[in-house]
PDB file of N, CA and C in Angstrom:
ATOM      1  N   MET A   1      -0.860 -26.404  -7.812  1.00  0.00           N
ATOM      2  CA  MET A   1      -1.790 -25.368  -7.293  1.00  0.00           C
ATOM      3  C   MET A   1      -0.771 -24.953  -6.148  1.00  0.00           C
ATOM      4  N   VAL A   2      -1.116 -23.564  -6.170  1.00  0.00           N
ATOM      5  CA  VAL A   2       0.267 -22.652  -5.012  1.00  0.00           C
ATOM      6  C   VAL A   2      -1.064 -22.814  -4.001  1.00  0.00           C
ATOM      7  N   SER A   3      -0.403 -23.236  -2.820  1.00  0.00           N
ATOM      8  CA  SER A   3      -0.788 -23.538  -1.602  1.00  0.00           C
ATOM      9  C   SER A   3      -0.721 -21.730  -1.040  1.00  0.00           C
ATOM     10  N   LEU A   4      -2.434 -21.845   0.371  1.00  0.00           N
ATOM     11  CA  LEU A   4      -2.525 -20.882   0.840  1.00  0.00           C
ATOM     12  C   LEU A   4      -1.448 -20.205   1.721  1.00  0.00           C
ATOM     13  N   SER A   5      -0.477 -20.902   1.600  1.00  0.00           N
ATOM     14  CA  SER A   5       1.092 -20.681   2.691  1.00  0.00           C
ATOM     15  C   SER A   5       2.040 -19.588   1.743  1.00  0.00           C
ATOM     16  N   ALA A   6       1.519 -20.472   0.705  1.00  0.00           N
ATOM     17  CA  ALA A   6       2.798 -19.287  -0.652  1.00  0.00           C
ATOM     18  C   ALA A   6       2.140 -18.402  -0.422  1.00  0.00           C
ATOM     19  N   TYR A   7       0.999 -18.178  -0.967  1.00  0.00           N
ATOM     20  CA  TYR A   7       0.441 -16.403  -0.872  1.00  0.00           C
ATOM     21  C   TYR A   7       0.480 -15.583   0.828  1.00  0.00           C
ATOM     22  N   LEU A   8       0.182 -16.171   1.681  1.00  0.00           N
ATOM     23  CA  LEU A   8       0.219 -15.747   2.894  1.00  0.00           C
ATOM     24  C   LEU A   8       1.857 -15.004   2.928  1.00  0.00           C
ATOM     25  N   THR A   9       2.905 -16.237   2.782  1.00  0.00           N
ATOM     26  CA  THR A   9       4.242 -15.792   2.615  1.00  0.00           C
ATOM     27  C   THR A   9       4.903 -14.530   1.845  1.00  0.00           C
ATOM     28  N   VAL A  10       4.284 -14.772   0.738  1.00  0.00           N
ATOM     29  CA  VAL A  10       4.491 -13.644  -0.723  1.00  0.00           C
ATOM     30  C   VAL A  10       4.206 -12.096   0.339  1.00  0.00           C
ATOM     31  N   ALA A  11       2.450 -12.541   0.389  1.00  0.00           N
ATOM     32  CA  ALA A  11       2.082 -10.925   1.098  1.00  0.00           C
ATOM     33  C   ALA A  11       2.398 -10.613   2.488  1.00  0.00           C
ATOM     34  N   LEU A  12       3.361 -11.560   3.096  1.00  0.00           N
ATOM     35  CA  LEU A  12       4.205 -11.160   3.994  1.00  0.00           C
ATOM     36  C   LEU A  12       5.362  -9.908   4.222  1.00  0.00           C
ATOM     37  N   ILE A  13       6.043 -10.670   2.704  1.00  0.00           N
ATOM     38  CA  ILE A  13       7.570 -10.470   2.625  1.00  0.00           C
ATOM     39  C   ILE A  13       7.103  -8.859   2.195  1.00  0.00           C
ATOM     40  N   VAL A  14       5.915  -8.753   1.139  1.00  0.00           N
ATOM     41  CA  VAL A  14       5.731  -7.068   0.488  1.00  0.00           C
ATOM     42  C   VAL A  14       5.434  -6.466   1.523  1.00  0.00           C
ATOM     43  N   PHE A  15       4.678  -6.633   2.607  1.00  0.00           N
ATOM     44  CA  PHE A  15       4.266  -6.028   3.555  1.00  0.00           C
ATOM     45  C   PHE A  15       5.805  -5.829   4.227  1.00  0.00           C
ATOM     46  N   CYS A  16       6.083  -6.609   4.664  1.00  0.00           N
ATOM     47  CA  CYS A  16       7.307  -5.695   5.324  1.00  0.00           C
ATOM     48  C   CYS A  16       8.734  -5.155   4.764  1.00  0.00           C
ATOM     49  N   ILE A  17       8.389  -5.220   3.302  1.00  0.00           N
ATOM     50  CA  ILE A  17       9.622  -4.486   2.329  1.00  0.00           C
ATOM     51  C   ILE A  17       8.633  -2.933   2.767  1.00  0.00           C
ATOM     52  N   GLY A  18       7.292  -3.124   2.149  1.00  0.00           N
ATOM     53  CA  GLY A  18       6.090  -1.607   2.638  1.00  0.00           C
ATOM     54  C   GLY A  18       6.890  -1.448   3.718  1.00  0.00           C
ATOM     55  N   LEU A  19       6.477  -1.812   5.029  1.00  0.00           N
ATOM     56  CA  LEU A  19       7.123  -1.103   6.566  1.00  0.00           C
ATOM     57  C   LEU A  19       8.622  -0.570   6.483  1.00  0.00           C
ATOM     58  N   PHE A  20       9.174  -1.206   6.170  1.00  0.00           N
ATOM     59  CA  PHE A  20      10.945  -1.053   6.275  1.00  0.00           C
ATOM     60  C   PHE A  20      10.877   0.759   5.410  1.00  0.00           C
ATOM     61  N   GLY A  21       9.961   0.174   4.178  1.00  0.00           N
ATOM     62  CA  GLY A  21      10.402   1.426   3.537  1.00  0.00           C
ATOM     63  C   GLY A  21       9.806   2.614   4.234  1.00  0.00           C
ATOM     64  N   ALA A  22       8.805   2.919   4.526  1.00  0.00           N
ATOM     65  CA  ALA A  22       7.619   3.694   5.182  1.00  0.00           C
ATOM     66  C   ALA A  22       8.618   4.318   6.621  1.00  0.00           C
ATOM     67  N   LEU A  23       9.601   3.098   7.119  1.00  0.00           N
ATOM     68  CA  LEU A  23       9.611   3.507   8.440  1.00  0.00           C
ATOM     69  C   LEU A  23      10.852   3.913   8.499  1.00  0.00           C
ATOM     70  N   SER A  24      11.726   3.663   7.483  1.00  0.00           N
ATOM     71  CA  SER A  24      13.411   4.221   7.190  1.00  0.00           C
ATOM     72  C   SER A  24      13.680   5.574   6.454  1.00  0.00           C
ATOM     73  N   HIS A  25      13.089   5.562   5.740  1.00  0.00           N
ATOM     74  CA  HIS A  25      13.314   6.365   4.533  1.00  0.00           C
ATOM     75  C   HIS A  25      12.312   7.666   4.796  1.00  0.00           C
ATOM     76  N   LYS A  26      12.837   9.202   4.730  1.00  0.00           N
ATOM     77  CA  LYS A  26      12.788  10.428   5.058  1.00  0.00           C
ATOM     78  C   LYS A  26      12.177  11.269   3.615  1.00  0.00           C
ATOM     79  N   ASN A  27      12.141  10.692   3.106  1.00  0.00           N
ATOM     80  CA  ASN A  27      11.430  11.342   1.656  1.00  0.00           C
ATOM     81  C   ASN A  27       9.948  10.588   0.957  1.00  0.00           C
ATOM     82  N   THR A  28       9.077  11.929   1.280  1.00  0.00           N
ATOM     83  CA  THR A  28       7.765  11.688   1.483  1.00  0.00           C
ATOM     84  C   THR A  28       7.384  10.556   0.263  1.00  0.00           C
ATOM     85  N   LEU A  29       7.636  10.776  -1.269  1.00  0.00           N
ATOM     86  CA  LEU A  29       7.608   9.887  -1.975  1.00  0.00           C
ATOM     87  C   LEU A  29       7.350   8.374  -1.487  1.00  0.00           C
ATOM     88  N   ILE A  30       8.748   8.250  -1.217  1.00  0.00           N
ATOM     89  CA  ILE A  30       9.184   6.935  -0.615  1.00  0.00           C
ATOM     90  C   ILE A  30       7.972   6.457  -0.031  1.00  0.00           C
ATOM     91  N   VAL A  31       7.798   7.306   0.745  1.00  0.00           N
ATOM     92  CA  VAL A  31       6.588   6.622   2.177  1.00  0.00           C
ATOM     93  C   VAL A  31       5.789   6.248   1.219  1.00  0.00           C
ATOM     94  N   PHE A  32       5.141   7.278   0.641  1.00  0.00           N
ATOM     95  CA  PHE A  32       3.931   6.826   0.147  1.00  0.00           C
ATOM     96  C   PHE A  32       3.739   5.829  -0.700  1.00  0.00           C
ATOM     97  N   LEU A  33       5.046   5.450  -1.875  1.00  0.00           N
ATOM     98  CA  LEU A  33       5.081   4.321  -2.466  1.00  0.00           C
ATOM     99  C   LEU A  33       4.982   2.864  -1.245  1.00  0.00           C
ATOM    100  N   SER A  34       5.875   3.146  -0.845  1.00  0.00           N
ATOM    101  CA  SER A  34       5.479   2.025   0.585  1.00  0.00           C
ATOM    102  C   SER A  34       4.296   1.599   1.397  1.00  0.00           C
ATOM    103  N   ILE A  35       3.624   2.742   1.440  1.00  0.00           N
ATOM    104  CA  ILE A  35       2.112   2.316   2.398  1.00  0.00           C
ATOM    105  C   ILE A  35       1.409   1.624   0.925  1.00  0.00           C
ATOM    106  N   GLU A  36       1.573   2.081  -0.310  1.00  0.00           N
ATOM    107  CA  GLU A  36       1.311   1.507  -1.124  1.00  0.00           C
ATOM    108  C   GLU A  36       1.578  -0.152  -1.315  1.00  0.00           C
ATOM    109  N   LEU A  37       2.874  -0.290  -1.074  1.00  0.00           N
ATOM    110  CA  LEU A  37       3.027  -1.737  -1.203  1.00  0.00           C
ATOM    111  C   LEU A  37       2.552  -2.551  -0.277  1.00  0.00           C
ATOM    112  N   MET A  38       2.756  -2.107   1.177  1.00  0.00           N
ATOM    113  CA  MET A  38       1.470  -2.574   2.187  1.00  0.00           C
ATOM    114  C   MET A  38       0.317  -2.545   1.842  1.00  0.00           C
ATOM    115  N   LEU A  39      -0.793  -1.826   0.687  1.00  0.00           N
ATOM    116  CA  LEU A  39      -1.915  -2.025   0.783  1.00  0.00           C
ATOM    117  C   LEU A  39      -2.062  -3.331  -0.381  1.00  0.00           C
ATOM    118  N   ASN A  40      -1.024  -3.296  -1.330  1.00  0.00           N
ATOM    119  CA  ASN A  40      -1.251  -4.284  -2.034  1.00  0.00           C
ATOM    120  C   ASN A  40      -0.796  -5.557  -1.437  1.00  0.00           C
ATOM    121  N   ALA A  41      -0.105  -5.908  -0.725  1.00  0.00           N
ATOM    122  CA  ALA A  41       0.370  -6.770   0.277  1.00  0.00           C
ATOM    123  C   ALA A  41      -1.147  -7.293   0.944  1.00  0.00           C
ATOM    124  N   VAL A  42      -2.224  -6.622   1.442  1.00  0.00           N
ATOM    125  CA  VAL A  42      -3.031  -6.814   2.026  1.00  0.00           C
ATOM    126  C   VAL A  42      -4.391  -7.142   1.180  1.00  0.00           C
ATOM    127  N   ASN A  43      -4.127  -6.655   0.052  1.00  0.00           N
ATOM    128  CA  ASN A  43      -5.210  -6.977  -1.134  1.00  0.00           C
ATOM    129  C   ASN A  43      -4.667  -8.401  -1.763  1.00  0.00           C
ATOM    130  N   LEU A  44      -3.695  -9.086  -1.811  1.00  0.00           N
ATOM    131  CA  LEU A  44      -3.194 -10.159  -2.103  1.00  0.00           C
ATOM    132  C   LEU A  44      -3.656 -10.656  -1.306  1.00  0.00           C
ATOM    133  N   ASN A  45      -3.975 -10.682  -0.174  1.00  0.00           N
ATOM    134  CA  ASN A  45      -4.266 -11.415   1.246  1.00  0.00           C
ATOM    135  C   ASN A  45      -5.488 -11.717   1.050  1.00  0.00           C
ATOM    136  N   PHE A  46      -6.582 -10.655   0.921  1.00  0.00           N
ATOM    137  CA  PHE A  46      -7.981 -10.693   0.687  1.00  0.00           C
ATOM    138  C   PHE A  46      -8.150 -11.509  -0.730  1.00  0.00           C
ATOM    139  N   ILE A  47      -7.416 -11.627  -2.305  1.00  0.00           N
ATOM    140  CA  ILE A  47      -7.771 -12.528  -3.015  1.00  0.00           C
ATOM    141  C   ILE A  47      -7.344 -14.135  -2.778  1.00  0.00           C
ATOM    142  N   ALA A  48      -6.101 -14.317  -1.838  1.00  0.00           N
ATOM    143  CA  ALA A  48      -6.292 -15.542  -1.337  1.00  0.00           C
ATOM    144  C   ALA A  48      -6.755 -15.991  -0.854  1.00  0.00           C
ATOM    145  N   PHE A  49      -7.175 -15.444   0.176  1.00  0.00           N
ATOM    146  CA  PHE A  49      -8.094 -15.935   0.948  1.00  0.00           C
ATOM    147  C   PHE A  49      -9.688 -16.523   0.386  1.00  0.00           C
ATOM    148  N   THR A  50     -10.027 -15.233  -1.054  1.00  0.00           N
ATOM    149  CA  THR A  50     -10.983 -15.997  -1.621  1.00  0.00           C
ATOM    150  C   THR A  50     -11.038 -16.828  -2.439  1.00  0.00           C
ATOM    151  N   LYS A  51     -10.286 -16.861  -3.207  1.00  0.00           N
ATOM    152  CA  LYS A  51      -9.687 -17.828  -3.668  1.00  0.00           C
ATOM    153  C   LYS A  51      -9.557 -19.444  -2.594  1.00  0.00           C
ATOM    154  N   TYR A  52      -9.484 -19.464  -1.833  1.00  0.00           N
ATOM    155  CA  TYR A  52      -9.325 -20.758  -0.852  1.00  0.00           C
ATOM    156  C   TYR A  52     -10.720 -21.192   0.197  1.00  0.00           C
ATOM    157  N   GLY A  53     -11.732 -20.291  -0.819  1.00  0.00           N
ATOM    158  CA  GLY A  53     -13.525 -20.591   0.391  1.00  0.00           C
ATOM    159  C   GLY A  53     -13.564 -19.507   1.515  1.00  0.00           C
ATOM    160  N   PHE A  54     -12.624 -18.552   2.316  1.00  0.00           N
ATOM    161  CA  PHE A  54     -12.849 -18.673   3.625  1.00  0.00           C
ATOM    162  C   PHE A  54     -13.664 -16.914   3.109  1.00  0.00           C
ATOM    163  N   PHE A  55     -13.777 -16.829   2.008  1.00  0.00           N
ATOM    164  CA  PHE A  55     -14.929 -15.281   2.135  1.00  0.00           C
ATOM    165  C   PHE A  55     -15.980 -15.984   0.788  1.00  0.00           C
ATOM    166  N   PRO A  56     -17.337 -15.881   1.250  1.00  0.00           N
ATOM    167  CA  PRO A  56     -17.936 -16.177  -0.046  1.00  0.00           C
ATOM    168  C   PRO A  56     -17.999 -15.293  -1.418  1.00  0.00           C
ATOM    169  N   ASN A  57     -18.269 -16.588  -1.888  1.00  0.00           N
ATOM    170  CA  ASN A  57     -18.467 -15.879  -3.192  1.00  0.00           C
ATOM    171  C   ASN A  57     -16.942 -15.164  -3.760  1.00  0.00           C
ATOM    172  N   ILE A  58     -17.463 -13.451  -4.572  1.00  0.00           N
ATOM    173  CA  ILE A  58     -16.276 -13.145  -4.874  1.00  0.00           C
ATOM    174  C   ILE A  58     -15.847 -11.793  -3.596  1.00  0.00           C
ATOM    175  N   SER A  59     -16.094 -11.920  -2.536  1.00  0.00           N
ATOM    176  CA  SER A  59     -16.310 -10.905  -1.123  1.00  0.00           C
ATOM    177  C   SER A  59     -14.942 -10.080  -1.238  1.00  0.00           C
ATOM    178  N   GLY A  60     -13.867 -10.960  -1.297  1.00  0.00           N
ATOM    179  CA  GLY A  60     -12.655 -10.687  -1.213  1.00  0.00           C
ATOM    180  C   GLY A  60     -12.301  -9.854  -2.129  1.00  0.00           C
ATOM    181  N   GLN A  61     -12.760 -10.225  -3.394  1.00  0.00           N
ATOM    182  CA  GLN A  61     -12.116  -9.532  -4.223  1.00  0.00           C
ATOM    183  C   GLN A  61     -12.352  -8.178  -4.201  1.00  0.00           C
ATOM    184  N   VAL A  62     -13.865  -7.921  -4.163  1.00  0.00           N
ATOM    185  CA  VAL A  62     -14.690  -6.416  -4.195  1.00  0.00           C
ATOM    186  C   VAL A  62     -13.702  -5.667  -2.970  1.00  0.00           C
ATOM    187  N   ILE A  63     -13.619  -6.217  -2.200  1.00  0.00           N
ATOM    188  CA  ILE A  63     -12.924  -5.415  -0.894  1.00  0.00           C
ATOM    189  C   ILE A  63     -11.866  -5.423  -1.389  1.00  0.00           C
ATOM    190  N   ALA A  64     -10.923  -5.910  -2.281  1.00  0.00           N
ATOM    191  CA  ALA A  64      -9.671  -5.196  -2.833  1.00  0.00           C
ATOM    192  C   ALA A  64      -9.601  -4.614  -3.874  1.00  0.00           C
ATOM    193  N   LEU A  65     -10.709  -4.306  -4.520  1.00  0.00           N
ATOM    194  CA  LEU A  65     -11.396  -3.862  -5.235  1.00  0.00           C
ATOM    195  C   LEU A  65     -11.382  -2.573  -4.813  1.00  0.00           C
ATOM    196  N   PHE A  66     -12.244  -2.096  -3.821  1.00  0.00           N
ATOM    197  CA  PHE A  66     -12.291  -0.953  -3.067  1.00  0.00           C
ATOM    198  C   PHE A  66     -10.953  -0.399  -2.161  1.00  0.00           C
ATOM    199  N   VAL A  67     -10.490  -1.180  -1.624  1.00  0.00           N
ATOM    200  CA  VAL A  67      -8.946  -0.463  -1.247  1.00  0.00           C
ATOM    201  C   VAL A  67      -8.284  -0.245  -1.939  1.00  0.00           C
ATOM    202  N   MET A  68      -7.951  -0.536  -3.403  1.00  0.00           N
ATOM    203  CA  MET A  68      -7.767  -0.047  -4.890  1.00  0.00           C
ATOM    204  C   MET A  68      -7.858   0.965  -5.158  1.00  0.00           C
ATOM    205  N   THR A  69      -9.149   1.360  -4.863  1.00  0.00           N
ATOM    206  CA  THR A  69     -10.114   2.766  -5.129  1.00  0.00           C
ATOM    207  C   THR A  69      -9.377   3.562  -3.958  1.00  0.00           C
ATOM    208  N   VAL A  70      -9.841   3.133  -3.093  1.00  0.00           N
ATOM    209  CA  VAL A  70      -9.024   3.993  -1.761  1.00  0.00           C
ATOM    210  C   VAL A  70      -7.497   4.484  -1.515  1.00  0.00           C
ATOM    211  N   ALA A  71      -6.512   3.649  -2.478  1.00  0.00           N
ATOM    212  CA  ALA A  71      -4.824   4.012  -2.688  1.00  0.00           C
ATOM    213  C   ALA A  71      -5.171   4.598  -3.740  1.00  0.00           C
ATOM    214  N   ALA A  72      -5.772   4.536  -4.479  1.00  0.00           N
ATOM    215  CA  ALA A  72      -5.658   5.688  -6.012  1.00  0.00           C
ATOM    216  C   ALA A  72      -6.134   7.017  -5.297  1.00  0.00           C
ATOM    217  N   LEU A  73      -7.132   7.043  -4.762  1.00  0.00           N
ATOM    218  CA  LEU A  73      -7.618   8.597  -3.982  1.00  0.00           C
ATOM    219  C   LEU A  73      -6.562   8.911  -3.258  1.00  0.00           C
ATOM    220  N   GLU A  74      -6.098   8.410  -1.972  1.00  0.00           N
ATOM    221  CA  GLU A  74      -4.776   8.541  -1.699  1.00  0.00           C
ATOM    222  C   GLU A  74      -3.701   9.458  -2.360  1.00  0.00           C
ATOM    223  N   VAL A  75      -3.407   8.656  -3.504  1.00  0.00           N
ATOM    224  CA  VAL A  75      -2.073   8.673  -4.163  1.00  0.00           C
ATOM    225  C   VAL A  75      -2.501  10.370  -4.615  1.00  0.00           C
ATOM    226  N   ALA A  76      -3.250  10.585  -5.321  1.00  0.00           N
ATOM    227  CA  ALA A  76      -4.026  11.846  -5.459  1.00  0.00           C
ATOM    228  C   ALA A  76      -3.981  13.047  -4.715  1.00  0.00           C
ATOM    229  N   ILE A  77      -4.410  12.366  -3.323  1.00  0.00           N
ATOM    230  CA  ILE A  77      -4.498  13.336  -2.590  1.00  0.00           C
ATOM    231  C   ILE A  77      -3.148  13.473  -2.695  1.00  0.00           C
ATOM    232  N   GLY A  78      -2.464  12.816  -1.793  1.00  0.00           N
ATOM    233  CA  GLY A  78      -1.312  12.697  -1.320  1.00  0.00           C
ATOM    234  C   GLY A  78      -0.016  13.622  -2.389  1.00  0.00           C
ATOM    235  N   LEU A  79       0.126  13.180  -3.723  1.00  0.00           N
ATOM    236  CA  LEU A  79       0.710  14.387  -4.773  1.00  0.00           C
ATOM    237  C   LEU A  79       0.351  15.164  -4.563  1.00  0.00           C
ATOM    238  N   ALA A  80      -0.908  16.323  -4.461  1.00  0.00           N
ATOM    239  CA  ALA A  80      -1.286  17.407  -4.646  1.00  0.00           C
ATOM    240  C   ALA A  80      -0.462  17.989  -3.643  1.00  0.00           C
ATOM    241  N   ILE A  81      -0.573  17.073  -2.123  1.00  0.00           N
ATOM    242  CA  ILE A  81      -0.227  17.808  -1.471  1.00  0.00           C
ATOM    243  C   ILE A  81       1.414  18.001  -1.339  1.00  0.00           C
ATOM    244  N   LEU A  82       1.715  17.371  -1.907  1.00  0.00           N
ATOM    245  CA  LEU A  82       3.601  16.717  -2.163  1.00  0.00           C
ATOM    246  C   LEU A  82       3.697  18.206  -2.933  1.00  0.00           C
ATOM    247  N   LEU A  83       2.934  18.364  -3.867  1.00  0.00           N
ATOM    248  CA  LEU A  83       3.269  19.413  -5.032  1.00  0.00           C
ATOM    249  C   LEU A  83       3.335  21.089  -4.172  1.00  0.00           C
ATOM    250  N   THR A  84       2.345  20.926  -3.626  1.00  0.00           N
ATOM    251  CA  THR A  84       2.082  22.626  -2.948  1.00  0.00           C
ATOM    252  C   THR A  84       3.565  22.449  -1.476  1.00  0.00           C
ATOM    253  N   LEU A  85       3.651  21.522  -1.033  1.00  0.00           N
ATOM    254  CA  LEU A  85       4.835  21.000  -0.347  1.00  0.00           C
ATOM    255  C   LEU A  85       5.930  21.858  -0.829  1.00  0.00           C
ATOM    256  N   TYR A  86       6.263  21.389  -2.167  1.00  0.00           N
ATOM    257  CA  TYR A  86       7.493  21.662  -2.849  1.00  0.00           C
ATOM    258  C   TYR A  86       7.329  23.338  -3.531  1.00  0.00           C
ATOM    259  N   ARG A  87       6.291  23.912  -3.636  1.00  0.00           N
ATOM    260  CA  ARG A  87       6.115  24.778  -4.088  1.00  0.00           C
ATOM    261  C   ARG A  87       6.502  25.984  -3.057  1.00  0.00           C
ATOM    262  N   ASN A  88       6.251  25.400  -1.748  1.00  0.00           N
ATOM    263  CA  ASN A  88       6.285  26.123  -0.931  1.00  0.00           C
ATOM    264  C   ASN A  88       7.681  26.324  -0.268  1.00  0.00           C
ATOM    265  N   LYS A  89       7.909  25.033   0.150  1.00  0.00           N
ATOM    266  CA  LYS A  89       9.214  24.745   0.991  1.00  0.00           C
ATOM    267  C   LYS A  89      10.074  24.603   0.112  1.00  0.00           C
ATOM    268  N   LYS A  90      10.156  24.007  -1.003  1.00  0.00           N
ATOM    269  CA  LYS A  90      11.169  23.692  -1.951  1.00  0.00           C
ATOM    270  C   LYS A  90      12.206  22.086  -1.666  1.00  0.00           C
ATOM    271  N   THR A  91      11.495  21.507  -0.838  1.00  0.00           N
ATOM    272  CA  THR A  91      11.771  20.603  -0.378  1.00  0.00           C
ATOM    273  C   THR A  91      10.745  19.348  -0.358  1.00  0.00           C
ATOM    274  N   ILE A  92      10.900  18.131   0.080  1.00  0.00           N
ATOM    275  CA  ILE A  92       9.888  16.764   0.245  1.00  0.00           C
ATOM    276  C   ILE A  92      10.319  15.738   0.957  1.00  0.00           C
ATOM    277  N   ASP A  93      11.309  16.116   1.773  1.00  0.00           N
ATOM    278  CA  ASP A  93      11.811  15.378   3.121  1.00  0.00           C
ATOM    279  C   ASP A  93      10.752  15.971   4.116  1.00  0.00           C
ATOM    280  N   LEU A  94      11.062  14.617   5.304  1.00  0.00           N
ATOM    281  CA  LEU A  94       9.971  14.598   5.973  1.00  0.00           C
ATOM    282  C   LEU A  94      10.443  15.350   7.392  1.00  0.00           C
ATOM    283  N   ASP A  95      11.781  15.279   7.390  1.00  0.00           N
ATOM    284  CA  ASP A  95      12.607  16.350   8.750  1.00  0.00           C
ATOM    285  C   ASP A  95      12.553  17.726   8.123  1.00  0.00           C
ATOM    286  N   GLU A  96      12.744  18.067   7.237  1.00  0.00           N
ATOM    287  CA  GLU A  96      12.753  19.609   6.510  1.00  0.00           C
ATOM    288  C   GLU A  96      11.189  20.271   6.341  1.00  0.00           C
ATOM    289  N   ILE A  97      10.458  19.368   6.801  1.00  0.00           N
ATOM    290  CA  ILE A  97       9.102  20.239   6.635  1.00  0.00           C
ATOM    291  C   ILE A  97       8.561  20.843   7.481  1.00  0.00           C
ATOM    292  N   TYR A  98       8.977  21.209   8.691  1.00  0.00           N
ATOM    293  CA  TYR A  98       8.620  21.690   9.858  1.00  0.00           C
ATOM    294  C   TYR A  98       9.355  22.773  10.244  1.00  0.00           C
TER     295      TYR A  98
END
């Protein structure tokens, strides 16, 4: 059986990779993908806490499902904004948008 600390360690590593990607890249698409990676790390924490009984019943799984739904909406709206930016400015780099 996998321990809770193993889940938390993996989630921390995934979150740190996403944070590094969001802070170090200038491409807007990579920033969006990095934010999605960070949200998946949060979901892993919710699922792990539910598995080990820190949340009653399946509330952690329901929260993770809600976070995934919000993340999908974020991607849809973000890609629509990126498409509009690319049509107008011919670039999606964060430094060249302004």
